[in-house]
């Protein structure tokens, strides 16, 4: 039984090591995700920015009474 657990543990460690060593090709994917996220933020900000600024100014006017 101990031998089976030991073999399983070694197998799991080897598989984990293979996963860690195999992540070199994933860098372009993360760069693409980061650029797409930044692009979405810019587009949403450009579309919603003026409306959000108006809502903020309206809320400040209501609270301050000016």
PDB file of N, CA and C in Angstrom:
ATOM      1  N   UNK A   1       0.825  -1.193   0.000  1.00  0.00           N
ATOM      2  CA  UNK A   1       0.000   0.000   0.000  1.00  0.00           C
ATOM      3  C   UNK A   1       0.868   1.255   0.000  1.00  0.00           C
ATOM      4  N   UNK A   2       1.899   1.235   0.834  1.00  0.00           N
ATOM      5  CA  UNK A   2       2.783   2.391   0.915  1.00  0.00           C
ATOM      6  C   UNK A   2       3.473   2.634  -0.432  1.00  0.00           C
ATOM      7  N   UNK A   3       3.823   1.550  -1.115  1.00  0.00           N
ATOM      8  CA  UNK A   3       4.462   1.665  -2.406  1.00  0.00           C
ATOM      9  C   UNK A   3       3.526   2.305  -3.434  1.00  0.00           C
ATOM     10  N   UNK A   4       2.245   1.954  -3.382  1.00  0.00           N
ATOM     11  CA  UNK A   4       1.257   2.516  -4.295  1.00  0.00           C
ATOM     12  C   UNK A   4       1.094   4.009  -4.049  1.00  0.00           C
ATOM     13  N   UNK A   5       1.006   4.403  -2.800  1.00  0.00           N
ATOM     14  CA  UNK A   5       0.878   5.824  -2.467  1.00  0.00           C
ATOM     15  C   UNK A   5       2.125   6.574  -2.904  1.00  0.00           C
ATOM     16  N   UNK A   6       3.276   5.983  -2.686  1.00  0.00           N
ATOM     17  CA  UNK A   6       4.526   6.617  -3.072  1.00  0.00           C
ATOM     18  C   UNK A   6       4.598   6.804  -4.588  1.00  0.00           C
ATOM     19  N   UNK A   7       4.210   5.781  -5.343  1.00  0.00           N
ATOM     20  CA  UNK A   7       4.207   5.898  -6.800  1.00  0.00           C
ATOM     21  C   UNK A   7       3.223   6.953  -7.274  1.00  0.00           C
ATOM     22  N   UNK A   8       2.051   7.004  -6.631  1.00  0.00           N
ATOM     23  CA  UNK A   8       1.042   8.002  -6.987  1.00  0.00           C
ATOM     24  C   UNK A   8       1.568   9.408  -6.706  1.00  0.00           C
ATOM     25  N   UNK A   9       2.217   9.593  -5.585  1.00  0.00           N
ATOM     26  CA  UNK A   9       2.753  10.906  -5.216  1.00  0.00           C
ATOM     27  C   UNK A   9       3.826  11.349  -6.210  1.00  0.00           C
ATOM     28  N   UNK A  10       4.698  10.448  -6.585  1.00  0.00           N
ATOM     29  CA  UNK A  10       5.742  10.776  -7.557  1.00  0.00           C
ATOM     30  C   UNK A  10       5.111  11.111  -8.904  1.00  0.00           C
ATOM     31  N   UNK A  11       4.100  10.362  -9.291  1.00  0.00           N
ATOM     32  CA  UNK A  11       3.414  10.624 -10.550  1.00  0.00           C
ATOM     33  C   UNK A  11       2.747  11.992 -10.530  1.00  0.00           C
ATOM     34  N   UNK A  12       2.106  12.339  -9.415  1.00  0.00           N
ATOM     35  CA  UNK A  12       1.430  13.634  -9.305  1.00  0.00           C
ATOM     36  C   UNK A  12       2.443  14.774  -9.351  1.00  0.00           C
ATOM     37  N   UNK A  13       3.570  14.600  -8.663  1.00  0.00           N
ATOM     38  CA  UNK A  13       4.594  15.644  -8.677  1.00  0.00           C
ATOM     39  C   UNK A  13       5.169  15.821 -10.071  1.00  0.00           C
ATOM     40  N   UNK A  14       5.367  14.733 -10.795  1.00  0.00           N
ATOM     41  CA  UNK A  14       5.898  14.814 -12.145  1.00  0.00           C
ATOM     42  C   UNK A  14       4.900  15.514 -13.061  1.00  0.00           C
ATOM     43  N   UNK A  15       3.622  15.192 -12.942  1.00  0.00           N
ATOM     44  CA  UNK A  15       2.600  15.836 -13.767  1.00  0.00           C
ATOM     45  C   UNK A  15       2.531  17.327 -13.457  1.00  0.00           C
ATOM     46  N   UNK A  16       2.622  17.702 -12.195  1.00  0.00           N
ATOM     47  CA  UNK A  16       2.597  19.111 -11.814  1.00  0.00           C
ATOM     48  C   UNK A  16       3.817  19.834 -12.368  1.00  0.00           C
ATOM     49  N   UNK A  17       4.966  19.184 -12.290  1.00  0.00           N
ATOM     50  CA  UNK A  17       6.176  19.770 -12.848  1.00  0.00           C
ATOM     51  C   UNK A  17       6.068  19.976 -14.345  1.00  0.00           C
ATOM     52  N   UNK A  18       5.441  19.033 -15.030  1.00  0.00           N
ATOM     53  CA  UNK A  18       5.239  19.180 -16.472  1.00  0.00           C
ATOM     54  C   UNK A  18       4.330  20.367 -16.772  1.00  0.00           C
ATOM     55  N   UNK A  19       3.312  20.577 -15.948  1.00  0.00           N
ATOM     56  CA  UNK A  19       2.420  21.719 -16.147  1.00  0.00           C
ATOM     57  C   UNK A  19       3.157  23.032 -15.949  1.00  0.00           C
ATOM     58  N   UNK A  20       4.003  23.091 -14.940  1.00  0.00           N
ATOM     59  CA  UNK A  20       4.746  24.325 -14.685  1.00  0.00           C
ATOM     60  C   UNK A  20       5.723  24.600 -15.829  1.00  0.00           C
ATOM     61  N   UNK A  21       6.393  23.573 -16.301  1.00  0.00           N
ATOM     62  CA  UNK A  21       7.365  23.758 -17.376  1.00  0.00           C
ATOM     63  C   UNK A  21       6.695  24.044 -18.717  1.00  0.00           C
ATOM     64  N   UNK A  22       5.432  23.731 -18.863  1.00  0.00           N
ATOM     65  CA  UNK A  22       4.750  23.839 -20.151  1.00  0.00           C
ATOM     66  C   UNK A  22       4.034  25.174 -20.334  1.00  0.00           C
ATOM     67  N   UNK A  23       4.198  26.149 -19.444  1.00  0.00           N
ATOM     68  CA  UNK A  23       3.432  27.384 -19.553  1.00  0.00           C
ATOM     69  C   UNK A  23       4.120  28.453 -20.393  1.00  0.00           C
ATOM     70  N   UNK A  24       5.232  28.138 -21.036  1.00  0.00           N
ATOM     71  CA  UNK A  24       5.939  29.134 -21.842  1.00  0.00           C
ATOM     72  C   UNK A  24       5.098  29.600 -23.028  1.00  0.00           C
ATOM     73  N   UNK A  25       4.333  28.735 -23.627  1.00  0.00           N
ATOM     74  CA  UNK A  25       3.555  29.097 -24.798  1.00  0.00           C
ATOM     75  C   UNK A  25       2.301  29.872 -24.484  1.00  0.00           C
ATOM     76  N   UNK A  26       1.986  30.061 -23.226  1.00  0.00           N
ATOM     77  CA  UNK A  26       0.757  30.740 -22.851  1.00  0.00           C
ATOM     78  C   UNK A  26       0.930  32.245 -22.699  1.00  0.00           C
ATOM     79  N   UNK A  27       2.147  32.744 -22.782  1.00  0.00           N
ATOM     80  CA  UNK A  27       2.392  34.176 -22.606  1.00  0.00           C
ATOM     81  C   UNK A  27       1.650  35.008 -23.647  1.00  0.00           C
ATOM     82  N   UNK A  28       1.678  34.675 -24.933  1.00  0.00           N
ATOM     83  CA  UNK A  28       0.910  35.482 -25.892  1.00  0.00           C
ATOM     84  C   UNK A  28      -0.580  35.520 -25.580  1.00  0.00           C
ATOM     85  N   UNK A  29      -1.111  34.443 -25.047  1.00  0.00           N
ATOM     86  CA  UNK A  29      -2.519  34.441 -24.661  1.00  0.00           C
ATOM     87  C   UNK A  29      -2.813  35.441 -23.560  1.00  0.00           C
ATOM     88  N   UNK A  30      -1.943  35.499 -22.556  1.00  0.00           N
ATOM     89  CA  UNK A  30      -2.148  36.467 -21.467  1.00  0.00           C
ATOM     90  C   UNK A  30      -1.968  37.889 -21.953  1.00  0.00           C
ATOM     91  N   UNK A  31      -1.045  38.108 -22.878  1.00  0.00           N
ATOM     92  CA  UNK A  31      -0.868  39.452 -23.435  1.00  0.00           C
ATOM     93  C   UNK A  31      -2.116  39.856 -24.197  1.00  0.00           C
ATOM     94  N   UNK A  32      -2.666  38.940 -24.975  1.00  0.00           N
ATOM     95  CA  UNK A  32      -3.879  39.230 -25.731  1.00  0.00           C
ATOM     96  C   UNK A  32      -5.046  39.537 -24.801  1.00  0.00           C
ATOM     97  N   UNK A  33      -5.210  38.756 -23.749  1.00  0.00           N
ATOM     98  CA  UNK A  33      -6.297  39.002 -22.788  1.00  0.00           C
ATOM     99  C   UNK A  33      -6.128  40.368 -22.132  1.00  0.00           C
ATOM    100  N   UNK A  34      -4.896  40.712 -21.767  1.00  0.00           N
ATOM    101  CA  UNK A  34      -4.644  42.006 -21.132  1.00  0.00           C
ATOM    102  C   UNK A  34      -4.961  43.156 -22.081  1.00  0.00           C
ATOM    103  N   UNK A  35      -4.525  43.054 -23.333  1.00  0.00           N
ATOM    104  CA  UNK A  35      -4.802  44.113 -24.306  1.00  0.00           C
ATOM    105  C   UNK A  35      -6.295  44.241 -24.604  1.00  0.00           C
ATOM    106  N   UNK A  36      -6.977  43.112 -24.716  1.00  0.00           N
ATOM    107  CA  UNK A  36      -8.421  43.160 -24.979  1.00  0.00           C
ATOM    108  C   UNK A  36      -9.163  43.779 -23.809  1.00  0.00           C
ATOM    109  N   UNK A  37      -8.758  43.463 -22.585  1.00  0.00           N
ATOM    110  CA  UNK A  37      -9.394  44.042 -21.409  1.00  0.00           C
ATOM    111  C   UNK A  37      -9.167  45.544 -21.367  1.00  0.00           C
ATOM    112  N   UNK A  38      -7.952  45.972 -21.647  1.00  0.00           N
ATOM    113  CA  UNK A  38      -7.656  47.411 -21.670  1.00  0.00           C
ATOM    114  C   UNK A  38      -8.481  48.103 -22.752  1.00  0.00           C
ATOM    115  N   UNK A  39      -8.603  47.474 -23.905  1.00  0.00           N
ATOM    116  CA  UNK A  39      -9.415  48.043 -24.973  1.00  0.00           C
ATOM    117  C   UNK A  39     -10.874  48.175 -24.589  1.00  0.00           C
ATOM    118  N   UNK A  40     -11.416  47.162 -23.928  1.00  0.00           N
ATOM    119  CA  UNK A  40     -12.807  47.242 -23.474  1.00  0.00           C
ATOM    120  C   UNK A  40     -13.007  48.352 -22.460  1.00  0.00           C
ATOM    121  N   UNK A  41     -12.062  48.513 -21.559  1.00  0.00           N
ATOM    122  CA  UNK A  41     -12.164  49.588 -20.561  1.00  0.00           C
ATOM    123  C   UNK A  41     -12.178  50.947 -21.250  1.00  0.00           C
ATOM    124  N   UNK A  42     -11.320  51.134 -22.241  1.00  0.00           N
ATOM    125  CA  UNK A  42     -11.268  52.414 -22.960  1.00  0.00           C
ATOM    126  C   UNK A  42     -12.575  52.674 -23.695  1.00  0.00           C
ATOM    127  N   UNK A  43     -13.103  51.659 -24.363  1.00  0.00           N
ATOM    128  CA  UNK A  43     -14.359  51.832 -25.109  1.00  0.00           C
ATOM    129  C   UNK A  43     -15.519  52.131 -24.171  1.00  0.00           C
ATOM    130  N   UNK A  44     -15.634  51.377 -23.085  1.00  0.00           N
ATOM    131  CA  UNK A  44     -16.731  51.604 -22.135  1.00  0.00           C
ATOM    132  C   UNK A  44     -16.600  52.981 -21.498  1.00  0.00           C
ATOM    133  N   UNK A  45     -15.372  53.369 -21.142  1.00  0.00           N
ATOM    134  CA  UNK A  45     -15.151  54.683 -20.539  1.00  0.00           C
ATOM    135  C   UNK A  45     -15.542  55.793 -21.521  1.00  0.00           C
ATOM    136  N   UNK A  46     -15.192  55.632 -22.788  1.00  0.00           N
ATOM    137  CA  UNK A  46     -15.511  56.646 -23.790  1.00  0.00           C
ATOM    138  C   UNK A  46     -17.020  56.780 -23.981  1.00  0.00           C
ATOM    139  N   UNK A  47     -17.719  55.652 -23.940  1.00  0.00           N
ATOM    140  CA  UNK A  47     -19.171  55.692 -24.145  1.00  0.00           C
ATOM    141  C   UNK A  47     -19.932  56.148 -22.902  1.00  0.00           C
ATOM    142  N   UNK A  48     -19.514  55.690 -21.752  1.00  0.00           N
ATOM    143  CA  UNK A  48     -20.271  55.961 -20.526  1.00  0.00           C
ATOM    144  C   UNK A  48     -19.721  57.134 -19.722  1.00  0.00           C
ATOM    145  N   UNK A  49     -18.532  57.620 -20.053  1.00  0.00           N
ATOM    146  CA  UNK A  49     -17.897  58.690 -19.279  1.00  0.00           C
ATOM    147  C   UNK A  49     -18.743  59.942 -19.148  1.00  0.00           C
ATOM    148  N   UNK A  50     -19.223  60.503 -20.246  1.00  0.00           N
ATOM    149  CA  UNK A  50     -20.034  61.722 -20.133  1.00  0.00           C
ATOM    150  C   UNK A  50     -21.323  61.513 -19.324  1.00  0.00           C
ATOM    151  N   UNK A  51     -21.973  60.376 -19.513  1.00  0.00           N
ATOM    152  CA  UNK A  51     -23.204  60.104 -18.759  1.00  0.00           C
ATOM    153  C   UNK A  51     -22.903  59.967 -17.271  1.00  0.00           C
ATOM    154  N   UNK A  52     -21.818  59.285 -16.931  1.00  0.00           N
ATOM    155  CA  UNK A  52     -21.450  59.133 -15.525  1.00  0.00           C
ATOM    156  C   UNK A  52     -21.040  60.470 -14.911  1.00  0.00           C
ATOM    157  N   UNK A  53     -20.364  61.306 -15.680  1.00  0.00           N
ATOM    158  CA  UNK A  53     -19.991  62.636 -15.179  1.00  0.00           C
ATOM    159  C   UNK A  53     -21.237  63.468 -14.903  1.00  0.00           C
ATOM    160  N   UNK A  54     -22.214  63.382 -15.797  1.00  0.00           N
ATOM    161  CA  UNK A  54     -23.472  64.111 -15.579  1.00  0.00           C
ATOM    162  C   UNK A  54     -24.201  63.619 -14.346  1.00  0.00           C
ATOM    163  N   UNK A  55     -24.254  62.310 -14.155  1.00  0.00           N
ATOM    164  CA  UNK A  55     -24.904  61.766 -12.960  1.00  0.00           C
ATOM    165  C   UNK A  55     -24.184  62.204 -11.687  1.00  0.00           C
ATOM    166  N   UNK A  56     -22.861  62.209 -11.737  1.00  0.00           N
ATOM    167  CA  UNK A  56     -22.082  62.623 -10.573  1.00  0.00           C
ATOM    168  C   UNK A  56     -22.350  64.096 -10.242  1.00  0.00           C
ATOM    169  N   UNK A  57     -22.328  64.953 -11.255  1.00  0.00           N
ATOM    170  CA  UNK A  57     -22.583  66.380 -11.020  1.00  0.00           C
ATOM    171  C   UNK A  57     -23.988  66.607 -10.489  1.00  0.00           C
ATOM    172  N   UNK A  58     -24.959  65.880 -11.019  1.00  0.00           N
ATOM    173  CA  UNK A  58     -26.331  66.003 -10.553  1.00  0.00           C
ATOM    174  C   UNK A  58     -26.453  65.556  -9.094  1.00  0.00           C
ATOM    175  N   UNK A  59     -25.789  64.494  -8.730  1.00  0.00           N
ATOM    176  CA  UNK A  59     -25.833  64.015  -7.349  1.00  0.00           C
ATOM    177  C   UNK A  59     -25.169  65.008  -6.406  1.00  0.00           C
ATOM    178  N   UNK A  60     -24.051  65.587  -6.818  1.00  0.00           N
ATOM    179  CA  UNK A  60     -23.375  66.581  -5.977  1.00  0.00           C
ATOM    180  C   UNK A  60     -24.247  67.810  -5.799  1.00  0.00           C
ATOM    181  N   UNK A  61     -24.925  68.237  -6.860  1.00  0.00           N
ATOM    182  CA  UNK A  61     -25.823  69.398  -6.768  1.00  0.00           C
ATOM    183  C   UNK A  61     -26.970  69.130  -5.799  1.00  0.00           C
ATOM    184  N   UNK A  62     -27.525  67.934  -5.849  1.00  0.00           N
ATOM    185  CA  UNK A  62     -28.626  67.597  -4.933  1.00  0.00           C
ATOM    186  C   UNK A  62     -28.182  67.562  -3.483  1.00  0.00           C
ATOM    187  N   UNK A  63     -26.993  67.022  -3.244  1.00  0.00           N
ATOM    188  CA  UNK A  63     -26.498  66.904  -1.867  1.00  0.00           C
ATOM    189  C   UNK A  63     -26.080  68.258  -1.321  1.00  0.00           C
ATOM    190  N   UNK A  64     -25.366  69.040  -2.126  1.00  0.00           N
ATOM    191  CA  UNK A  64     -24.835  70.315  -1.629  1.00  0.00           C
ATOM    192  C   UNK A  64     -25.874  71.432  -1.699  1.00  0.00           C
ATOM    193  N   UNK A  65     -26.890  71.316  -2.529  1.00  0.00           N
ATOM    194  CA  UNK A  65     -27.956  72.314  -2.623  1.00  0.00           C
ATOM    195  C   UNK A  65     -27.563  73.533  -3.444  1.00  0.00           C
ATOM    196  N   UNK A  66     -26.503  73.449  -4.227  1.00  0.00           N
ATOM    197  CA  UNK A  66     -26.107  74.603  -5.052  1.00  0.00           C
ATOM    198  C   UNK A  66     -26.840  74.624  -6.345  1.00  0.00           C
TER     199      UNK A  66
END
